[in-house]
Amino acid sequence: MVKGFYETLFNRRDVRGEFRGDVIPDDVLARLLIAAHHAPSVGLSQPWNFIVVHSAETKARVHR
């Protein structure tokens, strides 16, 4: 089990260039957000915010 962890860690690569434009079904998105909100953080500080944007116009404005 430890070996698998280190293999994963050492082989991790940036995947930003591989994002897909597929729409994520609402039920899947809800499960992902629930999991993310419960993810561990140092001192339970949870230093993140999640913003869900559905509007193509808003996405374009953010991109610009």
C-alpha atoms as a PDB file:
ATOM      1  CA  MET A   1       0.000   0.000   0.000  1.00  0.00           C
ATOM      2  CA  VAL A   2       2.779   2.464   0.841  1.00  0.00           C
ATOM      3  CA  LYS A   3       4.560   1.617  -2.419  1.00  0.00           C
ATOM      4  CA  GLY A   4       1.378   2.486  -4.368  1.00  0.00           C
ATOM      5  CA  PHE A   5       1.155   5.834  -2.598  1.00  0.00           C
ATOM      6  CA  TYR A   6       4.707   6.782  -3.502  1.00  0.00           C
ATOM      7  CA  GLU A   7       4.294   5.596  -7.095  1.00  0.00           C
ATOM      8  CA  THR A   8       1.224   7.804  -7.400  1.00  0.00           C
ATOM      9  CA  LEU A   9       2.982  10.748  -5.801  1.00  0.00           C
ATOM     10  CA  PHE A  10       6.126  10.474  -7.890  1.00  0.00           C
ATOM     11  CA  ASN A  11       4.229   9.965 -11.148  1.00  0.00           C
ATOM     12  CA  ARG A  12       1.712  12.758 -10.660  1.00  0.00           C
ATOM     13  CA  ARG A  13       1.706  15.306 -13.444  1.00  0.00           C
ATOM     14  CA  ASP A  14      -0.063  18.586 -14.024  1.00  0.00           C
ATOM     15  CA  VAL A  15      -3.301  17.925 -15.886  1.00  0.00           C
ATOM     16  CA  ARG A  16      -4.601  21.433 -16.569  1.00  0.00           C
ATOM     17  CA  GLY A  17      -4.008  20.986 -20.288  1.00  0.00           C
ATOM     18  CA  GLU A  18      -6.169  17.881 -20.300  1.00  0.00           C
ATOM     19  CA  PHE A  19      -9.437  19.319 -18.969  1.00  0.00           C
ATOM     20  CA  ARG A  20     -12.477  18.380 -20.961  1.00  0.00           C
ATOM     21  CA  GLY A  21     -15.406  20.611 -21.749  1.00  0.00           C
ATOM     22  CA  ASP A  22     -18.037  18.005 -20.951  1.00  0.00           C
ATOM     23  CA  VAL A  23     -20.919  19.097 -18.753  1.00  0.00           C
ATOM     24  CA  ILE A  24     -20.761  17.385 -15.357  1.00  0.00           C
ATOM     25  CA  PRO A  25     -24.166  16.029 -14.305  1.00  0.00           C
ATOM     26  CA  ASP A  26     -25.590  17.808 -11.252  1.00  0.00           C
ATOM     27  CA  ASP A  27     -25.589  14.653  -9.108  1.00  0.00           C
ATOM     28  CA  VAL A  28     -21.913  13.981  -9.875  1.00  0.00           C
ATOM     29  CA  LEU A  29     -20.987  17.621  -9.206  1.00  0.00           C
ATOM     30  CA  ALA A  30     -22.850  17.505  -5.894  1.00  0.00           C
ATOM     31  CA  ARG A  31     -20.933  14.370  -4.825  1.00  0.00           C
ATOM     32  CA  LEU A  32     -17.608  15.942  -5.832  1.00  0.00           C
ATOM     33  CA  LEU A  33     -18.330  19.129  -3.889  1.00  0.00           C
ATOM     34  CA  ILE A  34     -19.420  17.187  -0.802  1.00  0.00           C
ATOM     35  CA  ALA A  35     -16.200  15.144  -0.953  1.00  0.00           C
ATOM     36  CA  ALA A  36     -14.098  18.263  -1.479  1.00  0.00           C
ATOM     37  CA  HIS A  37     -15.721  20.038   1.464  1.00  0.00           C
ATOM     38  CA  HIS A  38     -14.837  17.071   3.656  1.00  0.00           C
ATOM     39  CA  ALA A  39     -11.267  16.731   2.403  1.00  0.00           C
ATOM     40  CA  PRO A  40      -8.617  17.041   5.103  1.00  0.00           C
ATOM     41  CA  SER A  41      -6.669  20.243   5.556  1.00  0.00           C
ATOM     42  CA  VAL A  42      -4.050  21.438   8.003  1.00  0.00           C
ATOM     43  CA  GLY A  43      -5.775  22.252  11.270  1.00  0.00           C
ATOM     44  CA  LEU A  44      -9.157  21.787   9.564  1.00  0.00           C
ATOM     45  CA  SER A  45      -8.605  25.249   8.054  1.00  0.00           C
ATOM     46  CA  GLN A  46     -10.199  24.286   4.705  1.00  0.00           C
ATOM     47  CA  PRO A  47      -8.533  27.167   2.804  1.00  0.00           C
ATOM     48  CA  TRP A  48     -10.627  26.808  -0.347  1.00  0.00           C
ATOM     49  CA  ASN A  49     -13.743  28.128  -1.967  1.00  0.00           C
ATOM     50  CA  PHE A  50     -15.690  26.482  -4.760  1.00  0.00           C
ATOM     51  CA  ILE A  51     -17.613  28.490  -7.315  1.00  0.00           C
ATOM     52  CA  VAL A  52     -19.804  26.688  -9.827  1.00  0.00           C
ATOM     53  CA  VAL A  53     -20.279  28.624 -13.053  1.00  0.00           C
ATOM     54  CA  HIS A  54     -22.837  27.407 -15.567  1.00  0.00           C
ATOM     55  CA  SER A  55     -23.096  30.486 -17.765  1.00  0.00           C
ATOM     56  CA  ALA A  56     -20.951  30.400 -20.917  1.00  0.00           C
ATOM     57  CA  GLU A  57     -20.848  34.209 -20.854  1.00  0.00           C
ATOM     58  CA  THR A  58     -19.453  34.258 -17.311  1.00  0.00           C
ATOM     59  CA  LYS A  59     -16.862  31.628 -18.207  1.00  0.00           C
ATOM     60  CA  ALA A  60     -15.759  33.723 -21.194  1.00  0.00           C
ATOM     61  CA  ARG A  61     -15.495  36.849 -19.037  1.00  0.00           C
ATOM     62  CA  VAL A  62     -13.392  34.995 -16.457  1.00  0.00           C
ATOM     63  CA  HIS A  63     -11.161  33.645 -19.215  1.00  0.00           C
ATOM     64  CA  ARG A  64     -10.597  37.150 -20.612  1.00  0.00           C
END
